[in-house]
Amino acid sequence: MLCAIYKSSKKEGAYLYLPKKGDFSQVPDTLMQMFGKPTMVMMVNLDGRELAQVDIDKVTQSLKDDGFFLQVPPPPKNLLDEYKQQKARRQPD
């Protein structure tokens, strides 16, 4: 399956996958407003390929069912909470 990938002008790390280049007709207006002006990144054939950030099966299924797939970055780690958890594990009982 060939798809077009666009990056967001408003949300760092957000990418929109479309089954047809330039066809945003299936993307909800509210999503497009939050996404901002899309910038074409690449065309890619998803068949037999792996993606670094997302599950390829989820992408292809969403492209078939919804007509688009939105990839968003994972939430930032809370380093203070991680430090507190590590510190609590190191303290003797």
N, C-alpha and C. Protein backbone atom coordinates (compact mmCIF):
# COMPACT_ATOMS: atom_id res chain seq x y z
N MET A 1 0.84 -1.18 0.00
CA MET A 1 0.00 0.00 0.00
C MET A 1 0.89 1.24 0.00
N LEU A 2 0.69 2.10 -0.95
CA LEU A 2 1.42 3.34 -1.07
C LEU A 2 0.69 4.42 -0.29
N CYS A 3 1.44 5.24 0.45
CA CYS A 3 0.79 6.33 1.18
C CYS A 3 1.70 7.56 1.21
N ALA A 4 1.07 8.70 1.44
CA ALA A 4 1.77 9.98 1.55
C ALA A 4 1.85 10.34 3.03
N ILE A 5 3.00 10.86 3.45
CA ILE A 5 3.19 11.25 4.85
C ILE A 5 3.46 12.75 4.90
N TYR A 6 2.70 13.43 5.78
CA TYR A 6 2.82 14.87 5.96
C TYR A 6 3.18 15.16 7.42
N LYS A 7 4.00 16.21 7.63
CA LYS A 7 4.29 16.63 9.00
C LYS A 7 3.48 17.87 9.33
N SER A 8 3.23 18.04 10.61
CA SER A 8 2.41 19.14 11.10
C SER A 8 3.24 20.41 11.23
N SER A 9 2.60 21.55 10.95
CA SER A 9 3.26 22.84 11.16
C SER A 9 3.01 23.35 12.59
N LYS A 10 2.07 22.73 13.30
CA LYS A 10 1.71 23.21 14.64
C LYS A 10 2.15 22.27 15.76
N LYS A 11 2.23 20.99 15.50
CA LYS A 11 2.50 20.00 16.57
C LYS A 11 3.78 19.24 16.23
N GLU A 12 4.84 19.51 16.96
CA GLU A 12 6.12 18.85 16.74
C GLU A 12 5.97 17.33 16.88
N GLY A 13 6.45 16.62 15.89
CA GLY A 13 6.43 15.16 15.94
C GLY A 13 5.13 14.52 15.48
N ALA A 14 4.17 15.33 15.02
CA ALA A 14 2.89 14.78 14.53
C ALA A 14 2.97 14.60 13.02
N TYR A 15 2.52 13.43 12.56
CA TYR A 15 2.54 13.11 11.14
C TYR A 15 1.18 12.55 10.73
N LEU A 16 0.77 12.90 9.52
CA LEU A 16 -0.50 12.46 8.98
C LEU A 16 -0.22 11.59 7.76
N TYR A 17 -0.74 10.37 7.78
CA TYR A 17 -0.57 9.42 6.68
C TYR A 17 -1.87 9.40 5.87
N LEU A 18 -1.74 9.50 4.56
CA LEU A 18 -2.90 9.49 3.67
C LEU A 18 -2.71 8.46 2.57
N PRO A 19 -3.78 7.78 2.16
CA PRO A 19 -3.64 6.79 1.09
C PRO A 19 -3.43 7.43 -0.29
N LYS A 20 -3.82 8.69 -0.44
CA LYS A 20 -3.64 9.40 -1.71
C LYS A 20 -3.01 10.76 -1.45
N LYS A 21 -1.96 11.07 -2.17
CA LYS A 21 -1.25 12.34 -2.02
C LYS A 21 -2.22 13.51 -2.22
N GLY A 22 -2.23 14.40 -1.23
CA GLY A 22 -3.02 15.62 -1.32
C GLY A 22 -4.50 15.48 -1.07
N ASP A 23 -4.99 14.29 -0.77
CA ASP A 23 -6.42 14.07 -0.55
C ASP A 23 -6.71 14.08 0.96
N PHE A 24 -7.10 15.25 1.45
CA PHE A 24 -7.40 15.42 2.88
C PHE A 24 -8.90 15.33 3.16
N SER A 25 -9.67 14.86 2.19
CA SER A 25 -11.13 14.85 2.30
C SER A 25 -11.66 13.99 3.45
N GLN A 26 -10.93 12.96 3.87
CA GLN A 26 -11.39 12.09 4.96
C GLN A 26 -10.94 12.57 6.34
N VAL A 27 -10.08 13.58 6.37
CA VAL A 27 -9.55 14.10 7.65
C VAL A 27 -10.53 15.12 8.20
N PRO A 28 -10.99 14.94 9.45
CA PRO A 28 -11.93 15.90 10.05
C PRO A 28 -11.35 17.31 10.08
N ASP A 29 -12.22 18.30 9.89
CA ASP A 29 -11.80 19.71 9.89
C ASP A 29 -11.11 20.10 11.19
N THR A 30 -11.65 19.64 12.32
CA THR A 30 -11.05 19.99 13.61
C THR A 30 -9.61 19.46 13.71
N LEU A 31 -9.38 18.27 13.19
CA LEU A 31 -8.03 17.70 13.19
C LEU A 31 -7.11 18.53 12.30
N MET A 32 -7.59 18.93 11.14
CA MET A 32 -6.77 19.74 10.23
C MET A 32 -6.43 21.09 10.86
N GLN A 33 -7.37 21.66 11.62
CA GLN A 33 -7.09 22.94 12.29
C GLN A 33 -6.00 22.77 13.34
N MET A 34 -6.05 21.68 14.10
CA MET A 34 -5.02 21.43 15.12
C MET A 34 -3.69 21.05 14.47
N PHE A 35 -3.74 20.36 13.34
CA PHE A 35 -2.54 19.90 12.65
C PHE A 35 -1.81 21.05 11.98
N GLY A 36 -2.55 22.02 11.50
CA GLY A 36 -1.93 23.15 10.81
C GLY A 36 -1.66 22.82 9.35
N LYS A 37 -0.83 23.63 8.73
CA LYS A 37 -0.51 23.43 7.31
C LYS A 37 0.35 22.18 7.17
N PRO A 38 -0.13 21.18 6.42
CA PRO A 38 0.66 19.96 6.25
C PRO A 38 1.81 20.18 5.25
N THR A 39 2.96 19.63 5.59
CA THR A 39 4.13 19.67 4.72
C THR A 39 4.46 18.25 4.30
N MET A 40 4.49 18.03 3.00
CA MET A 40 4.78 16.69 2.46
C MET A 40 6.19 16.27 2.89
N VAL A 41 6.28 15.06 3.46
CA VAL A 41 7.57 14.52 3.88
C VAL A 41 8.04 13.48 2.87
N MET A 42 7.17 12.51 2.55
CA MET A 42 7.55 11.47 1.61
C MET A 42 6.36 10.63 1.19
N MET A 43 6.57 9.91 0.10
CA MET A 43 5.66 8.85 -0.33
C MET A 43 6.37 7.55 0.04
N VAL A 44 5.63 6.59 0.59
CA VAL A 44 6.25 5.34 1.02
C VAL A 44 5.32 4.17 0.73
N ASN A 45 5.92 3.07 0.33
CA ASN A 45 5.17 1.83 0.14
C ASN A 45 5.22 1.08 1.47
N LEU A 46 4.08 0.88 2.09
CA LEU A 46 4.02 0.24 3.42
C LEU A 46 4.15 -1.28 3.36
N ASP A 47 4.00 -1.87 2.19
CA ASP A 47 4.07 -3.33 2.05
C ASP A 47 5.46 -3.83 2.43
N GLY A 48 5.51 -4.75 3.40
CA GLY A 48 6.76 -5.37 3.82
C GLY A 48 7.71 -4.43 4.53
N ARG A 49 7.21 -3.35 5.06
CA ARG A 49 8.05 -2.34 5.69
C ARG A 49 7.75 -2.26 7.18
N GLU A 50 8.73 -1.80 7.95
CA GLU A 50 8.52 -1.53 9.38
C GLU A 50 8.65 -0.04 9.60
N LEU A 51 7.89 0.48 10.54
CA LEU A 51 7.98 1.89 10.90
C LEU A 51 8.54 2.00 12.31
N ALA A 52 9.35 3.02 12.55
CA ALA A 52 10.05 3.16 13.82
C ALA A 52 9.11 3.50 14.99
N GLN A 53 8.14 4.36 14.76
CA GLN A 53 7.33 4.87 15.86
C GLN A 53 5.96 4.22 16.03
N VAL A 54 5.44 3.61 14.96
CA VAL A 54 4.08 3.08 15.01
C VAL A 54 4.00 1.68 14.42
N ASP A 55 2.94 0.98 14.79
CA ASP A 55 2.68 -0.37 14.30
C ASP A 55 2.12 -0.28 12.88
N ILE A 56 2.80 -0.91 11.94
CA ILE A 56 2.41 -0.85 10.53
C ILE A 56 1.00 -1.37 10.31
N ASP A 57 0.58 -2.37 11.08
CA ASP A 57 -0.78 -2.91 10.94
C ASP A 57 -1.84 -1.88 11.33
N LYS A 58 -1.55 -1.10 12.39
CA LYS A 58 -2.48 -0.04 12.80
C LYS A 58 -2.60 1.03 11.73
N VAL A 59 -1.46 1.36 11.12
CA VAL A 59 -1.46 2.38 10.07
C VAL A 59 -2.29 1.91 8.88
N THR A 60 -2.01 0.72 8.38
CA THR A 60 -2.73 0.24 7.20
C THR A 60 -4.22 0.06 7.47
N GLN A 61 -4.56 -0.43 8.66
CA GLN A 61 -5.98 -0.60 9.00
C GLN A 61 -6.69 0.73 9.09
N SER A 62 -6.03 1.71 9.70
CA SER A 62 -6.62 3.04 9.82
C SER A 62 -6.78 3.70 8.45
N LEU A 63 -5.80 3.51 7.57
CA LEU A 63 -5.91 4.06 6.21
C LEU A 63 -7.10 3.45 5.48
N LYS A 64 -7.33 2.16 5.67
CA LYS A 64 -8.47 1.49 5.02
C LYS A 64 -9.80 1.90 5.64
N ASP A 65 -9.86 1.93 6.98
CA ASP A 65 -11.12 2.21 7.68
C ASP A 65 -11.49 3.69 7.71
N ASP A 66 -10.49 4.54 8.03
CA ASP A 66 -10.76 5.95 8.28
C ASP A 66 -10.33 6.87 7.13
N GLY A 67 -9.44 6.40 6.29
CA GLY A 67 -8.93 7.23 5.20
C GLY A 67 -7.74 8.07 5.59
N PHE A 68 -7.23 7.89 6.81
CA PHE A 68 -6.03 8.60 7.27
C PHE A 68 -5.51 7.92 8.54
N PHE A 69 -4.27 8.24 8.91
CA PHE A 69 -3.72 7.80 10.19
C PHE A 69 -2.94 8.97 10.76
N LEU A 70 -3.15 9.28 12.03
CA LEU A 70 -2.43 10.36 12.71
C LEU A 70 -1.42 9.75 13.67
N GLN A 71 -0.17 10.10 13.46
CA GLN A 71 0.90 9.67 14.37
C GLN A 71 1.26 10.85 15.26
N VAL A 72 1.16 10.67 16.56
CA VAL A 72 1.53 11.72 17.50
C VAL A 72 2.70 11.24 18.34
N PRO A 73 3.54 12.19 18.79
CA PRO A 73 4.69 11.78 19.60
C PRO A 73 4.24 11.26 20.95
N PRO A 74 5.04 10.37 21.55
CA PRO A 74 4.69 9.90 22.90
C PRO A 74 4.78 11.06 23.88
N PRO A 75 4.03 10.99 24.97
CA PRO A 75 4.10 12.07 25.96
C PRO A 75 5.50 12.14 26.57
N PRO A 76 5.93 13.33 26.96
CA PRO A 76 7.27 13.45 27.55
C PRO A 76 7.35 12.70 28.88
N LYS A 77 8.53 12.18 29.15
CA LYS A 77 8.73 11.49 30.43
C LYS A 77 8.78 12.50 31.56
N ASN A 78 8.23 12.11 32.70
CA ASN A 78 8.34 12.94 33.89
C ASN A 78 9.59 12.47 34.63
N LEU A 79 10.69 13.17 34.42
CA LEU A 79 11.96 12.75 34.99
C LEU A 79 11.98 12.83 36.51
N LEU A 80 11.23 13.77 37.08
CA LEU A 80 11.17 13.88 38.54
C LEU A 80 10.52 12.64 39.14
N ASP A 81 9.40 12.20 38.56
CA ASP A 81 8.73 10.99 39.05
C ASP A 81 9.63 9.77 38.91
N GLU A 82 10.33 9.65 37.77
CA GLU A 82 11.24 8.52 37.58
C GLU A 82 12.34 8.53 38.63
N TYR A 83 12.89 9.70 38.94
CA TYR A 83 13.94 9.82 39.94
C TYR A 83 13.42 9.40 41.32
N LYS A 84 12.22 9.86 41.66
CA LYS A 84 11.64 9.51 42.96
C LYS A 84 11.41 8.00 43.07
N GLN A 85 10.95 7.38 41.99
CA GLN A 85 10.73 5.93 42.00
C GLN A 85 12.05 5.17 42.16
N GLN A 86 13.07 5.61 41.47
CA GLN A 86 14.38 4.95 41.58
C GLN A 86 14.95 5.13 42.98
N LYS A 87 14.81 6.30 43.53
CA LYS A 87 15.31 6.58 44.87
C LYS A 87 14.58 5.73 45.91
N ALA A 88 13.27 5.59 45.77
CA ALA A 88 12.48 4.79 46.70
C ALA A 88 12.88 3.32 46.63
N ARG A 89 13.24 2.82 45.47
CA ARG A 89 13.65 1.42 45.34
C ARG A 89 15.02 1.16 45.96
N ARG A 90 15.85 2.19 46.00
CA ARG A 90 17.21 2.03 46.53
C ARG A 90 17.26 2.11 48.06
N GLN A 91 16.26 2.72 48.69
CA GLN A 91 16.28 2.88 50.13
C GLN A 91 16.04 1.55 50.83
N PRO A 92 16.87 1.25 51.84
CA PRO A 92 16.65 -0.02 52.58
C PRO A 92 15.39 0.05 53.43
N ASP A 93 14.78 -1.10 53.65
CA ASP A 93 13.55 -1.17 54.44
C ASP A 93 13.83 -1.07 55.90
